[in-house]
């Protein structure tokens, strides 16, 4: 599967969103209407995923946000509308993602009141 087109009307998720180990996934198109996830959002091990632009409407995550081991990921700009993360924030081991992008997201969330654990490591220097 290269995209998530069948989910275009999805606005809220009551539990969690897990996008994990999809070797063919190149984009998150199809999630553009998603505004809230009550639990965790995990984007882990998607070797060809370069951007998170399909998450452009996501503003609230009730649990943790983990973006890890996405080798082709180069940007977090798709999370520009994210205002609240209720749990931990982990952005790690994305070898093409500038650490400055991860740090900028963390700083923006902290400025908005985020007070939980932040782990940013092993991304591109």
N, C-alpha and C. Protein backbone atom coordinates (compact mmCIF):
# COMPACT_ATOMS: atom_id res chain seq x y z
N UNK A 1 0.85 -1.17 0.00
CA UNK A 1 0.00 0.00 0.00
C UNK A 1 0.90 1.24 0.00
N UNK A 2 0.68 2.14 -0.97
CA UNK A 2 1.51 3.35 -1.08
C UNK A 2 0.86 4.57 -0.44
N UNK A 3 -0.45 4.55 -0.22
CA UNK A 3 -1.16 5.68 0.39
C UNK A 3 -2.35 5.15 1.17
N UNK A 4 -3.04 6.03 1.87
CA UNK A 4 -4.15 5.65 2.74
C UNK A 4 -5.46 6.26 2.24
N UNK A 5 -5.67 6.28 0.95
CA UNK A 5 -6.79 6.97 0.33
C UNK A 5 -8.17 6.58 0.82
N UNK A 6 -8.37 5.39 1.32
CA UNK A 6 -9.68 4.95 1.77
C UNK A 6 -10.14 5.57 3.08
N UNK A 7 -9.34 6.41 3.69
CA UNK A 7 -9.68 6.99 5.00
C UNK A 7 -10.01 8.48 4.91
N UNK A 8 -10.34 8.97 3.76
CA UNK A 8 -10.51 10.41 3.51
C UNK A 8 -11.52 11.12 4.41
N UNK A 9 -12.52 10.45 4.91
CA UNK A 9 -13.55 11.11 5.74
C UNK A 9 -13.28 11.01 7.24
N UNK A 10 -12.22 10.39 7.62
CA UNK A 10 -11.89 10.17 9.02
C UNK A 10 -11.48 11.48 9.69
N UNK A 11 -12.22 11.88 10.74
CA UNK A 11 -11.92 13.12 11.46
C UNK A 11 -11.40 12.86 12.88
N UNK A 12 -11.93 11.85 13.54
CA UNK A 12 -11.56 11.52 14.91
C UNK A 12 -11.24 10.04 15.00
N UNK A 13 -10.28 9.73 15.86
CA UNK A 13 -10.00 8.33 16.18
C UNK A 13 -10.10 8.18 17.68
N UNK A 14 -10.89 7.22 18.11
CA UNK A 14 -11.12 7.05 19.53
C UNK A 14 -10.00 6.35 20.27
N UNK A 15 -9.15 5.63 19.59
CA UNK A 15 -8.13 4.86 20.29
C UNK A 15 -6.74 5.33 19.89
N UNK A 16 -6.15 4.79 18.86
CA UNK A 16 -4.81 5.19 18.46
C UNK A 16 -4.66 5.04 16.95
N UNK A 17 -3.63 5.68 16.44
CA UNK A 17 -3.28 5.59 15.03
C UNK A 17 -1.88 5.00 14.96
N UNK A 18 -1.77 3.86 14.33
CA UNK A 18 -0.47 3.20 14.20
C UNK A 18 -0.18 2.98 12.72
N UNK A 19 0.86 3.64 12.25
CA UNK A 19 1.33 3.47 10.87
C UNK A 19 2.73 2.90 11.01
N UNK A 20 2.83 1.60 10.84
CA UNK A 20 4.05 0.91 11.25
C UNK A 20 4.49 -0.12 10.21
N UNK A 21 5.76 -0.04 9.86
CA UNK A 21 6.45 -1.01 8.99
C UNK A 21 5.73 -1.25 7.67
N UNK A 22 5.38 -0.16 7.00
CA UNK A 22 4.81 -0.25 5.66
C UNK A 22 5.91 0.11 4.68
N UNK A 23 6.53 -0.88 4.10
CA UNK A 23 7.68 -0.66 3.22
C UNK A 23 7.34 0.11 1.96
N UNK A 24 6.11 0.02 1.49
CA UNK A 24 5.73 0.68 0.25
C UNK A 24 5.10 2.06 0.46
N UNK A 25 4.73 2.40 1.68
CA UNK A 25 4.02 3.65 1.96
C UNK A 25 4.91 4.85 1.67
N UNK A 26 4.44 5.73 0.77
CA UNK A 26 5.23 6.91 0.41
C UNK A 26 4.58 8.20 0.89
N UNK A 27 3.30 8.15 1.24
CA UNK A 27 2.62 9.36 1.71
C UNK A 27 1.45 8.99 2.61
N UNK A 28 0.98 9.97 3.36
CA UNK A 28 -0.16 9.76 4.25
C UNK A 28 -1.42 10.38 3.69
N UNK A 29 -1.46 10.57 2.39
CA UNK A 29 -2.67 11.08 1.74
C UNK A 29 -3.84 10.18 2.11
N UNK A 30 -4.94 10.80 2.46
CA UNK A 30 -6.11 10.07 2.91
C UNK A 30 -6.46 10.38 4.35
N UNK A 31 -5.53 10.98 5.06
CA UNK A 31 -5.77 11.35 6.46
C UNK A 31 -5.96 12.85 6.63
N UNK A 32 -6.18 13.56 5.56
CA UNK A 32 -6.23 15.03 5.58
C UNK A 32 -7.33 15.61 6.49
N UNK A 33 -8.38 14.85 6.76
CA UNK A 33 -9.47 15.34 7.60
C UNK A 33 -9.29 15.01 9.08
N UNK A 34 -8.30 14.19 9.39
CA UNK A 34 -8.09 13.75 10.77
C UNK A 34 -7.64 14.92 11.64
N UNK A 35 -8.44 15.23 12.66
CA UNK A 35 -8.16 16.35 13.56
C UNK A 35 -7.72 15.92 14.95
N UNK A 36 -8.24 14.78 15.42
CA UNK A 36 -7.99 14.35 16.79
C UNK A 36 -7.80 12.84 16.86
N UNK A 37 -6.84 12.44 17.71
CA UNK A 37 -6.65 11.03 18.04
C UNK A 37 -6.63 10.97 19.56
N UNK A 38 -7.52 10.18 20.14
CA UNK A 38 -7.64 10.11 21.59
C UNK A 38 -6.44 9.44 22.25
N UNK A 39 -5.83 8.50 21.58
CA UNK A 39 -4.69 7.78 22.15
C UNK A 39 -3.38 8.17 21.50
N UNK A 40 -2.53 7.19 21.28
CA UNK A 40 -1.20 7.41 20.73
C UNK A 40 -1.21 7.49 19.21
N UNK A 41 -0.24 8.21 18.67
CA UNK A 41 0.03 8.23 17.24
C UNK A 41 1.45 7.71 17.06
N UNK A 42 1.56 6.61 16.32
CA UNK A 42 2.84 5.95 16.09
C UNK A 42 3.11 5.91 14.59
N UNK A 43 4.20 6.50 14.18
CA UNK A 43 4.65 6.44 12.78
C UNK A 43 6.06 5.85 12.85
N UNK A 44 6.15 4.55 12.62
CA UNK A 44 7.38 3.82 12.92
C UNK A 44 7.76 2.86 11.79
N UNK A 45 9.00 2.95 11.34
CA UNK A 45 9.56 1.96 10.44
C UNK A 45 8.98 1.95 9.04
N UNK A 46 8.63 3.12 8.51
CA UNK A 46 8.10 3.23 7.15
C UNK A 46 9.23 3.72 6.25
N UNK A 47 9.91 2.80 5.60
CA UNK A 47 11.18 3.07 4.93
C UNK A 47 11.10 4.11 3.81
N UNK A 48 9.97 4.24 3.13
CA UNK A 48 9.88 5.16 1.99
C UNK A 48 9.10 6.44 2.30
N UNK A 49 8.58 6.58 3.49
CA UNK A 49 7.78 7.75 3.86
C UNK A 49 8.68 8.98 4.03
N UNK A 50 8.46 10.01 3.18
CA UNK A 50 9.30 11.21 3.22
C UNK A 50 8.71 12.35 4.01
N UNK A 51 7.38 12.47 4.02
CA UNK A 51 6.72 13.61 4.66
C UNK A 51 5.45 13.14 5.38
N UNK A 52 4.99 13.95 6.33
CA UNK A 52 3.77 13.65 7.07
C UNK A 52 2.63 14.57 6.64
N UNK A 53 2.67 15.05 5.41
CA UNK A 53 1.71 16.05 4.95
C UNK A 53 0.26 15.60 5.04
N UNK A 54 -0.03 14.34 5.02
CA UNK A 54 -1.42 13.88 5.16
C UNK A 54 -2.00 14.15 6.53
N UNK A 55 -1.16 14.50 7.50
CA UNK A 55 -1.63 14.80 8.86
C UNK A 55 -1.81 16.30 9.07
N UNK A 56 -1.99 17.04 8.01
CA UNK A 56 -2.04 18.50 8.07
C UNK A 56 -3.19 19.10 8.86
N UNK A 57 -4.21 18.33 9.22
CA UNK A 57 -5.31 18.85 10.04
C UNK A 57 -5.24 18.37 11.48
N UNK A 58 -4.29 17.52 11.78
CA UNK A 58 -4.19 16.95 13.13
C UNK A 58 -3.78 18.03 14.13
N UNK A 59 -4.65 18.27 15.11
CA UNK A 59 -4.36 19.30 16.10
C UNK A 59 -4.21 18.75 17.51
N UNK A 60 -4.79 17.56 17.79
CA UNK A 60 -4.74 17.04 19.15
C UNK A 60 -4.45 15.55 19.18
N UNK A 61 -3.51 15.17 20.03
CA UNK A 61 -3.21 13.78 20.29
C UNK A 61 -3.34 13.59 21.80
N UNK A 62 -4.24 12.72 22.22
CA UNK A 62 -4.46 12.52 23.64
C UNK A 62 -3.35 11.76 24.34
N UNK A 63 -2.67 10.89 23.60
CA UNK A 63 -1.58 10.10 24.15
C UNK A 63 -0.24 10.59 23.65
N UNK A 64 0.64 9.66 23.37
CA UNK A 64 2.00 9.97 22.93
C UNK A 64 2.09 10.08 21.42
N UNK A 65 3.13 10.79 20.97
CA UNK A 65 3.48 10.86 19.55
C UNK A 65 4.87 10.27 19.40
N UNK A 66 4.98 9.22 18.58
CA UNK A 66 6.27 8.60 18.31
C UNK A 66 6.49 8.57 16.80
N UNK A 67 7.56 9.20 16.36
CA UNK A 67 7.98 9.18 14.95
C UNK A 67 9.38 8.61 14.96
N UNK A 68 9.51 7.36 14.55
CA UNK A 68 10.77 6.64 14.73
C UNK A 68 11.11 5.75 13.55
N UNK A 69 12.37 5.70 13.19
CA UNK A 69 12.92 4.75 12.22
C UNK A 69 12.26 4.85 10.84
N UNK A 70 11.95 6.06 10.43
CA UNK A 70 11.43 6.30 9.08
C UNK A 70 12.59 6.85 8.27
N UNK A 71 13.30 5.97 7.60
CA UNK A 71 14.58 6.30 6.97
C UNK A 71 14.52 7.42 5.94
N UNK A 72 13.43 7.54 5.20
CA UNK A 72 13.34 8.55 4.14
C UNK A 72 12.72 9.86 4.63
N UNK A 73 12.24 9.91 5.86
CA UNK A 73 11.55 11.10 6.37
C UNK A 73 12.49 12.31 6.39
N UNK A 74 12.06 13.40 5.74
CA UNK A 74 12.89 14.61 5.66
C UNK A 74 12.22 15.83 6.29
N UNK A 75 10.94 15.71 6.67
CA UNK A 75 10.22 16.88 7.17
C UNK A 75 9.12 16.49 8.14
N UNK A 76 8.87 17.40 9.09
CA UNK A 76 7.74 17.27 10.01
C UNK A 76 6.70 18.37 9.74
N UNK A 77 6.82 19.04 8.62
CA UNK A 77 5.91 20.14 8.28
C UNK A 77 4.45 19.70 8.27
N UNK A 78 4.19 18.44 8.04
CA UNK A 78 2.82 17.93 8.07
C UNK A 78 2.17 18.02 9.44
N UNK A 79 2.95 18.28 10.47
CA UNK A 79 2.42 18.42 11.82
C UNK A 79 2.30 19.89 12.24
N UNK A 80 2.24 20.77 11.28
CA UNK A 80 2.22 22.21 11.55
C UNK A 80 1.00 22.65 12.37
N UNK A 81 -0.11 21.93 12.30
CA UNK A 81 -1.31 22.32 13.05
C UNK A 81 -1.41 21.63 14.40
N UNK A 82 -0.44 20.77 14.72
CA UNK A 82 -0.47 20.05 15.99
C UNK A 82 -0.27 21.02 17.15
N UNK A 83 -1.25 21.05 18.05
CA UNK A 83 -1.22 21.97 19.19
C UNK A 83 -1.02 21.27 20.52
N UNK A 84 -1.47 20.00 20.59
CA UNK A 84 -1.48 19.33 21.89
C UNK A 84 -1.10 17.86 21.76
N UNK A 85 -0.18 17.43 22.62
CA UNK A 85 0.17 16.02 22.78
C UNK A 85 0.05 15.73 24.26
N UNK A 86 -0.78 14.78 24.63
CA UNK A 86 -1.04 14.50 26.04
C UNK A 86 0.00 13.63 26.72
N UNK A 87 0.72 12.82 25.94
CA UNK A 87 1.73 11.92 26.51
C UNK A 87 3.12 12.34 26.09
N UNK A 88 3.97 11.37 25.88
CA UNK A 88 5.36 11.62 25.52
C UNK A 88 5.51 12.01 24.06
N UNK A 89 6.64 12.63 23.76
CA UNK A 89 7.02 12.96 22.39
C UNK A 89 8.36 12.29 22.12
N UNK A 90 8.40 11.42 21.11
CA UNK A 90 9.65 10.74 20.74
C UNK A 90 9.83 10.87 19.23
N UNK A 91 10.92 11.51 18.85
CA UNK A 91 11.28 11.63 17.43
C UNK A 91 12.72 11.15 17.36
N UNK A 92 12.88 9.92 16.88
CA UNK A 92 14.21 9.31 16.98
C UNK A 92 14.49 8.35 15.83
N UNK A 93 15.76 8.29 15.47
CA UNK A 93 16.28 7.34 14.49
C UNK A 93 15.65 7.50 13.11
N UNK A 94 15.38 8.74 12.74
CA UNK A 94 14.93 9.07 11.38
C UNK A 94 16.14 9.68 10.69
N UNK A 95 16.91 8.86 10.01
CA UNK A 95 18.26 9.27 9.61
C UNK A 95 18.34 10.42 8.61
N UNK A 96 17.26 10.76 7.92
CA UNK A 96 17.28 11.90 7.00
C UNK A 96 16.50 13.10 7.52
N UNK A 97 15.98 13.00 8.71
CA UNK A 97 15.22 14.10 9.31
C UNK A 97 16.17 15.00 10.10
N UNK A 98 16.25 16.28 9.77
CA UNK A 98 17.10 17.18 10.55
C UNK A 98 16.64 17.25 12.01
N UNK A 99 17.57 17.11 12.90
CA UNK A 99 17.24 17.22 14.33
C UNK A 99 16.61 18.56 14.66
N UNK A 100 16.99 19.59 13.90
CA UNK A 100 16.42 20.92 14.13
C UNK A 100 14.91 20.93 13.89
N UNK A 101 14.42 20.14 12.95
CA UNK A 101 12.98 20.06 12.70
C UNK A 101 12.26 19.42 13.89
N UNK A 102 12.86 18.37 14.43
CA UNK A 102 12.29 17.70 15.60
C UNK A 102 12.30 18.63 16.81
N UNK A 103 13.40 19.34 16.99
CA UNK A 103 13.51 20.26 18.11
C UNK A 103 12.52 21.41 17.98
N UNK A 104 12.31 21.90 16.78
CA UNK A 104 11.35 22.99 16.55
C UNK A 104 9.94 22.56 16.91
N UNK A 105 9.56 21.33 16.56
CA UNK A 105 8.24 20.83 16.92
C UNK A 105 8.12 20.74 18.44
N UNK A 106 9.13 20.20 19.09
CA UNK A 106 9.10 20.08 20.55
C UNK A 106 8.98 21.45 21.22
N UNK A 107 9.75 22.41 20.75
CA UNK A 107 9.70 23.75 21.33
C UNK A 107 8.34 24.41 21.14
N UNK A 108 7.74 24.19 19.98
CA UNK A 108 6.41 24.76 19.73
C UNK A 108 5.37 24.14 20.67
N UNK A 109 5.44 22.83 20.87
CA UNK A 109 4.51 22.16 21.78
C UNK A 109 4.73 22.60 23.22
N UNK A 110 5.99 22.73 23.62
CA UNK A 110 6.31 23.18 24.98
C UNK A 110 5.79 24.59 25.21
N UNK A 111 5.93 25.45 24.23
CA UNK A 111 5.41 26.82 24.34
C UNK A 111 3.90 26.83 24.51
N UNK A 112 3.23 25.80 24.00
CA UNK A 112 1.78 25.68 24.12
C UNK A 112 1.33 24.94 25.37
N UNK A 113 2.28 24.55 26.25
CA UNK A 113 1.92 23.92 27.51
C UNK A 113 2.32 22.47 27.66
N UNK A 114 2.93 21.87 26.66
CA UNK A 114 3.37 20.48 26.74
C UNK A 114 4.40 20.36 27.86
N UNK A 115 4.24 19.36 28.73
CA UNK A 115 5.14 19.24 29.87
C UNK A 115 5.60 17.81 30.12
N UNK A 116 5.42 16.94 29.14
CA UNK A 116 5.80 15.54 29.33
C UNK A 116 7.21 15.27 28.80
N UNK A 117 7.60 14.02 28.78
CA UNK A 117 8.94 13.61 28.34
C UNK A 117 9.14 13.85 26.84
N UNK A 118 10.31 14.34 26.49
CA UNK A 118 10.71 14.54 25.09
C UNK A 118 11.98 13.74 24.83
N UNK A 119 11.94 12.92 23.79
CA UNK A 119 13.13 12.17 23.36
C UNK A 119 13.39 12.48 21.89
N UNK A 120 14.44 13.20 21.63
CA UNK A 120 14.86 13.51 20.27
C UNK A 120 16.29 13.02 20.16
N UNK A 121 16.51 11.99 19.33
CA UNK A 121 17.86 11.44 19.23
C UNK A 121 18.02 10.65 17.93
N UNK A 122 19.26 10.54 17.51
CA UNK A 122 19.68 9.72 16.37
C UNK A 122 19.00 10.11 15.06
N UNK A 123 18.65 11.37 14.93
CA UNK A 123 18.17 11.89 13.67
C UNK A 123 19.38 12.52 12.95
N UNK A 124 19.17 13.11 11.80
CA UNK A 124 20.27 13.76 11.11
C UNK A 124 20.75 14.95 11.93
N UNK A 125 22.06 15.09 12.10
CA UNK A 125 22.59 16.21 12.92
C UNK A 125 22.17 17.58 12.38
